[in-house]
Amino acid sequence: MNTTPIKRGLPAMHPGELLREDVIPSLNVSKTEIAKLLGISRRTLYDILDEKQPVTVAMALRIGKLVGNGPVLWLNLQRNYDLEQAEKALRAEIDAIPTLHAA
């Protein structure tokens, strides 16, 4: 099975960016209230919105429930973002690893 990510030309989006730019403004609820509804501190929410903290599985469950779209979108955004960041950071090391093929 090929697990190579499909490159579409756009950089991967941190889930905090989507929350900050699109989701929270459309809800007409303060960030303080969002944090309360999620059961997290304002600091934790702001760290996610500022892309300083990842969206964990537990956080994806919380956000997905709050906005009604489930956890998968949030997990996929985080996974794609993490993969892109790791590819950038490790590019030279990864390029030096040969690809083996079964006989």
N, C-alpha and C. Protein backbone atom coordinates (compact mmCIF):
# COMPACT_ATOMS: atom_id res chain seq x y z
N MET A 1 0.84 -1.18 0.00
CA MET A 1 0.00 0.00 0.00
C MET A 1 0.89 1.24 0.00
N ASN A 2 0.59 2.16 -0.87
CA ASN A 2 1.36 3.40 -0.96
C ASN A 2 0.83 4.40 0.06
N THR A 3 1.69 4.86 0.94
CA THR A 3 1.28 5.83 1.96
C THR A 3 1.89 7.20 1.73
N THR A 4 2.42 7.43 0.53
CA THR A 4 3.00 8.72 0.20
C THR A 4 1.89 9.76 0.16
N PRO A 5 2.04 10.87 0.88
CA PRO A 5 0.99 11.89 0.86
C PRO A 5 0.85 12.52 -0.52
N ILE A 6 -0.36 12.90 -0.86
CA ILE A 6 -0.62 13.57 -2.12
C ILE A 6 -0.30 15.05 -1.94
N LYS A 7 0.55 15.57 -2.79
CA LYS A 7 0.91 16.99 -2.72
C LYS A 7 -0.05 17.77 -3.61
N ARG A 8 -0.67 18.78 -3.05
CA ARG A 8 -1.63 19.57 -3.80
C ARG A 8 -1.16 21.01 -3.99
N GLY A 9 0.04 21.31 -3.58
CA GLY A 9 0.57 22.64 -3.80
C GLY A 9 0.32 23.63 -2.67
N LEU A 10 -0.66 23.36 -1.84
CA LEU A 10 -0.94 24.25 -0.71
C LEU A 10 -0.30 23.69 0.55
N PRO A 11 0.22 24.54 1.40
CA PRO A 11 0.78 24.04 2.66
C PRO A 11 -0.33 23.48 3.55
N ALA A 12 0.03 22.49 4.35
CA ALA A 12 -0.92 21.91 5.29
C ALA A 12 -1.33 22.97 6.31
N MET A 13 -2.57 22.92 6.72
CA MET A 13 -3.12 23.89 7.66
C MET A 13 -3.15 23.30 9.06
N HIS A 14 -2.63 24.04 10.02
CA HIS A 14 -2.77 23.65 11.42
C HIS A 14 -4.25 23.80 11.77
N PRO A 15 -4.83 22.86 12.52
CA PRO A 15 -6.24 22.98 12.86
C PRO A 15 -6.57 24.26 13.62
N GLY A 16 -5.61 24.80 14.34
CA GLY A 16 -5.83 26.06 15.04
C GLY A 16 -6.12 27.21 14.10
N GLU A 17 -5.52 27.17 12.92
CA GLU A 17 -5.78 28.21 11.92
C GLU A 17 -7.23 28.18 11.46
N LEU A 18 -7.75 26.99 11.20
CA LEU A 18 -9.15 26.86 10.79
C LEU A 18 -10.09 27.33 11.90
N LEU A 19 -9.78 26.93 13.12
CA LEU A 19 -10.60 27.39 14.25
C LEU A 19 -10.56 28.91 14.37
N ARG A 20 -9.37 29.47 14.30
CA ARG A 20 -9.16 30.91 14.50
C ARG A 20 -9.79 31.75 13.39
N GLU A 21 -9.60 31.32 12.15
CA GLU A 21 -10.00 32.14 11.01
C GLU A 21 -11.44 31.93 10.55
N ASP A 22 -11.96 30.72 10.71
CA ASP A 22 -13.28 30.41 10.14
C ASP A 22 -14.32 29.97 11.17
N VAL A 23 -13.96 29.00 11.98
CA VAL A 23 -14.96 28.36 12.84
C VAL A 23 -15.42 29.28 13.96
N ILE A 24 -14.50 29.76 14.78
CA ILE A 24 -14.89 30.57 15.94
C ILE A 24 -15.61 31.86 15.51
N PRO A 25 -15.11 32.58 14.50
CA PRO A 25 -15.85 33.78 14.09
C PRO A 25 -17.30 33.49 13.65
N SER A 26 -17.52 32.34 13.05
CA SER A 26 -18.87 32.01 12.57
C SER A 26 -19.81 31.61 13.70
N LEU A 27 -19.26 31.28 14.86
CA LEU A 27 -20.10 30.84 15.98
C LEU A 27 -20.65 32.00 16.80
N ASN A 28 -20.07 33.18 16.67
CA ASN A 28 -20.50 34.34 17.45
C ASN A 28 -20.50 34.07 18.95
N VAL A 29 -19.46 33.37 19.39
CA VAL A 29 -19.26 33.05 20.81
C VAL A 29 -17.83 33.46 21.14
N SER A 30 -17.62 34.02 22.33
CA SER A 30 -16.28 34.46 22.71
C SER A 30 -15.34 33.26 22.87
N LYS A 31 -14.07 33.54 22.75
CA LYS A 31 -13.07 32.49 22.95
C LYS A 31 -13.10 31.98 24.38
N THR A 32 -13.37 32.86 25.32
CA THR A 32 -13.50 32.45 26.72
C THR A 32 -14.63 31.44 26.87
N GLU A 33 -15.75 31.72 26.23
CA GLU A 33 -16.90 30.81 26.30
C GLU A 33 -16.60 29.50 25.57
N ILE A 34 -15.90 29.57 24.45
CA ILE A 34 -15.51 28.36 23.73
C ILE A 34 -14.66 27.48 24.63
N ALA A 35 -13.69 28.07 25.32
CA ALA A 35 -12.83 27.31 26.23
C ALA A 35 -13.67 26.65 27.32
N LYS A 36 -14.61 27.39 27.89
CA LYS A 36 -15.48 26.82 28.93
C LYS A 36 -16.29 25.65 28.39
N LEU A 37 -16.87 25.84 27.21
CA LEU A 37 -17.69 24.78 26.61
C LEU A 37 -16.86 23.53 26.31
N LEU A 38 -15.61 23.73 25.92
CA LEU A 38 -14.71 22.60 25.64
C LEU A 38 -14.18 21.96 26.92
N GLY A 39 -14.29 22.66 28.04
CA GLY A 39 -13.76 22.14 29.29
C GLY A 39 -12.26 22.25 29.39
N ILE A 40 -11.71 23.31 28.77
CA ILE A 40 -10.26 23.53 28.78
C ILE A 40 -9.98 24.95 29.24
N SER A 41 -8.72 25.22 29.56
CA SER A 41 -8.34 26.57 29.95
C SER A 41 -8.28 27.48 28.72
N ARG A 42 -8.40 28.77 28.96
CA ARG A 42 -8.23 29.73 27.86
C ARG A 42 -6.83 29.62 27.29
N ARG A 43 -5.84 29.40 28.15
CA ARG A 43 -4.45 29.28 27.69
C ARG A 43 -4.32 28.13 26.70
N THR A 44 -4.93 26.99 27.01
CA THR A 44 -4.87 25.84 26.10
C THR A 44 -5.50 26.19 24.77
N LEU A 45 -6.67 26.82 24.81
CA LEU A 45 -7.33 27.20 23.56
C LEU A 45 -6.46 28.17 22.77
N TYR A 46 -5.93 29.19 23.43
CA TYR A 46 -5.10 30.16 22.73
C TYR A 46 -3.83 29.52 22.16
N ASP A 47 -3.27 28.55 22.86
CA ASP A 47 -2.09 27.85 22.33
C ASP A 47 -2.44 27.08 21.06
N ILE A 48 -3.62 26.50 21.00
CA ILE A 48 -4.06 25.82 19.78
C ILE A 48 -4.31 26.84 18.68
N LEU A 49 -5.01 27.90 19.00
CA LEU A 49 -5.31 28.93 18.00
C LEU A 49 -4.05 29.60 17.46
N ASP A 50 -3.03 29.72 18.31
CA ASP A 50 -1.75 30.31 17.90
C ASP A 50 -0.80 29.29 17.30
N GLU A 51 -1.29 28.06 17.12
CA GLU A 51 -0.55 26.97 16.49
C GLU A 51 0.69 26.58 17.29
N LYS A 52 0.63 26.76 18.60
CA LYS A 52 1.73 26.39 19.50
C LYS A 52 1.52 25.01 20.10
N GLN A 53 0.31 24.51 20.01
CA GLN A 53 -0.04 23.22 20.60
C GLN A 53 -0.84 22.43 19.57
N PRO A 54 -0.60 21.13 19.48
CA PRO A 54 -1.35 20.32 18.51
C PRO A 54 -2.75 20.00 19.02
N VAL A 55 -3.60 19.60 18.09
CA VAL A 55 -4.91 19.08 18.44
C VAL A 55 -4.73 17.58 18.67
N THR A 56 -4.89 17.16 19.91
CA THR A 56 -4.76 15.75 20.28
C THR A 56 -6.05 15.02 19.94
N VAL A 57 -6.03 13.71 20.10
CA VAL A 57 -7.24 12.91 19.88
C VAL A 57 -8.35 13.39 20.82
N ALA A 58 -8.01 13.59 22.08
CA ALA A 58 -9.02 14.05 23.05
C ALA A 58 -9.56 15.42 22.67
N MET A 59 -8.69 16.31 22.22
CA MET A 59 -9.14 17.64 21.83
C MET A 59 -9.98 17.58 20.56
N ALA A 60 -9.61 16.71 19.63
CA ALA A 60 -10.40 16.55 18.41
C ALA A 60 -11.81 16.07 18.74
N LEU A 61 -11.93 15.19 19.72
CA LEU A 61 -13.25 14.74 20.15
C LEU A 61 -14.06 15.91 20.71
N ARG A 62 -13.42 16.73 21.51
CA ARG A 62 -14.10 17.89 22.11
C ARG A 62 -14.54 18.90 21.03
N ILE A 63 -13.60 19.26 20.16
CA ILE A 63 -13.90 20.25 19.13
C ILE A 63 -14.97 19.71 18.17
N GLY A 64 -14.81 18.46 17.77
CA GLY A 64 -15.77 17.86 16.85
C GLY A 64 -17.17 17.82 17.42
N LYS A 65 -17.29 17.57 18.71
CA LYS A 65 -18.60 17.57 19.36
C LYS A 65 -19.16 18.99 19.42
N LEU A 66 -18.32 19.94 19.79
CA LEU A 66 -18.77 21.32 19.93
C LEU A 66 -19.30 21.89 18.61
N VAL A 67 -18.57 21.66 17.53
CA VAL A 67 -18.97 22.25 16.25
C VAL A 67 -19.81 21.31 15.39
N GLY A 68 -19.98 20.06 15.85
CA GLY A 68 -20.90 19.14 15.19
C GLY A 68 -20.36 18.41 13.98
N ASN A 69 -19.04 18.41 13.77
CA ASN A 69 -18.52 17.71 12.60
C ASN A 69 -17.65 16.50 12.96
N GLY A 70 -17.58 16.13 14.22
CA GLY A 70 -16.82 14.96 14.63
C GLY A 70 -15.32 15.21 14.66
N PRO A 71 -14.57 14.23 15.13
CA PRO A 71 -13.13 14.41 15.34
C PRO A 71 -12.25 14.20 14.11
N VAL A 72 -12.74 13.52 13.09
CA VAL A 72 -11.86 13.09 12.00
C VAL A 72 -11.23 14.26 11.25
N LEU A 73 -11.99 15.28 10.93
CA LEU A 73 -11.42 16.45 10.24
C LEU A 73 -10.27 17.03 11.04
N TRP A 74 -10.46 17.20 12.33
CA TRP A 74 -9.45 17.83 13.19
C TRP A 74 -8.20 16.96 13.30
N LEU A 75 -8.40 15.65 13.38
CA LEU A 75 -7.26 14.74 13.43
C LEU A 75 -6.51 14.72 12.09
N ASN A 76 -7.24 14.72 11.00
CA ASN A 76 -6.60 14.72 9.68
C ASN A 76 -5.82 16.00 9.44
N LEU A 77 -6.38 17.13 9.82
CA LEU A 77 -5.65 18.39 9.68
C LEU A 77 -4.34 18.35 10.47
N GLN A 78 -4.41 17.87 11.71
CA GLN A 78 -3.22 17.81 12.55
C GLN A 78 -2.20 16.84 11.99
N ARG A 79 -2.66 15.66 11.54
CA ARG A 79 -1.75 14.67 10.98
C ARG A 79 -1.03 15.22 9.76
N ASN A 80 -1.78 15.84 8.85
CA ASN A 80 -1.17 16.39 7.64
C ASN A 80 -0.18 17.51 7.97
N TYR A 81 -0.53 18.34 8.93
CA TYR A 81 0.35 19.43 9.35
C TYR A 81 1.64 18.85 9.96
N ASP A 82 1.49 17.88 10.85
CA ASP A 82 2.66 17.26 11.49
C ASP A 82 3.56 16.59 10.46
N LEU A 83 2.95 15.89 9.51
CA LEU A 83 3.73 15.20 8.48
C LEU A 83 4.51 16.21 7.64
N GLU A 84 3.87 17.28 7.25
CA GLU A 84 4.55 18.29 6.44
C GLU A 84 5.71 18.93 7.21
N GLN A 85 5.49 19.23 8.48
CA GLN A 85 6.54 19.83 9.31
C GLN A 85 7.72 18.86 9.46
N ALA A 86 7.43 17.58 9.68
CA ALA A 86 8.49 16.59 9.82
C ALA A 86 9.25 16.40 8.51
N GLU A 87 8.52 16.39 7.40
CA GLU A 87 9.18 16.25 6.10
C GLU A 87 10.16 17.40 5.86
N LYS A 88 9.76 18.60 6.22
CA LYS A 88 10.65 19.76 6.06
C LYS A 88 11.87 19.63 6.97
N ALA A 89 11.66 19.26 8.22
CA ALA A 89 12.74 19.20 9.19
C ALA A 89 13.72 18.06 8.91
N LEU A 90 13.22 16.97 8.35
CA LEU A 90 14.04 15.77 8.17
C LEU A 90 14.38 15.48 6.72
N ARG A 91 14.13 16.41 5.83
CA ARG A 91 14.27 16.16 4.39
C ARG A 91 15.62 15.53 4.03
N ALA A 92 16.72 16.10 4.47
CA ALA A 92 18.04 15.57 4.10
C ALA A 92 18.24 14.16 4.65
N GLU A 93 17.83 13.94 5.88
CA GLU A 93 17.99 12.61 6.48
C GLU A 93 17.14 11.57 5.75
N ILE A 94 15.92 11.93 5.42
CA ILE A 94 15.03 11.00 4.73
C ILE A 94 15.52 10.73 3.32
N ASP A 95 16.00 11.75 2.64
CA ASP A 95 16.53 11.57 1.29
C ASP A 95 17.72 10.62 1.27
N ALA A 96 18.47 10.55 2.35
CA ALA A 96 19.65 9.69 2.42
C ALA A 96 19.30 8.22 2.67
N ILE A 97 18.06 7.93 3.02
CA ILE A 97 17.64 6.55 3.28
C ILE A 97 17.22 5.90 1.97
N PRO A 98 17.83 4.75 1.63
CA PRO A 98 17.44 4.09 0.39
C PRO A 98 16.06 3.43 0.53
N THR A 99 15.41 3.23 -0.59
CA THR A 99 14.15 2.50 -0.61
C THR A 99 14.44 1.09 -1.09
N LEU A 100 14.09 0.11 -0.29
CA LEU A 100 14.31 -1.29 -0.64
C LEU A 100 13.06 -1.83 -1.33
N HIS A 101 13.29 -2.78 -2.23
CA HIS A 101 12.18 -3.40 -2.96
C HIS A 101 12.25 -4.90 -2.76
N ALA A 102 11.11 -5.52 -2.54
CA ALA A 102 11.06 -6.97 -2.36
C ALA A 102 11.43 -7.66 -3.66
N ALA A 103 12.08 -8.79 -3.53
CA ALA A 103 12.52 -9.54 -4.71
C ALA A 103 11.38 -10.26 -5.38
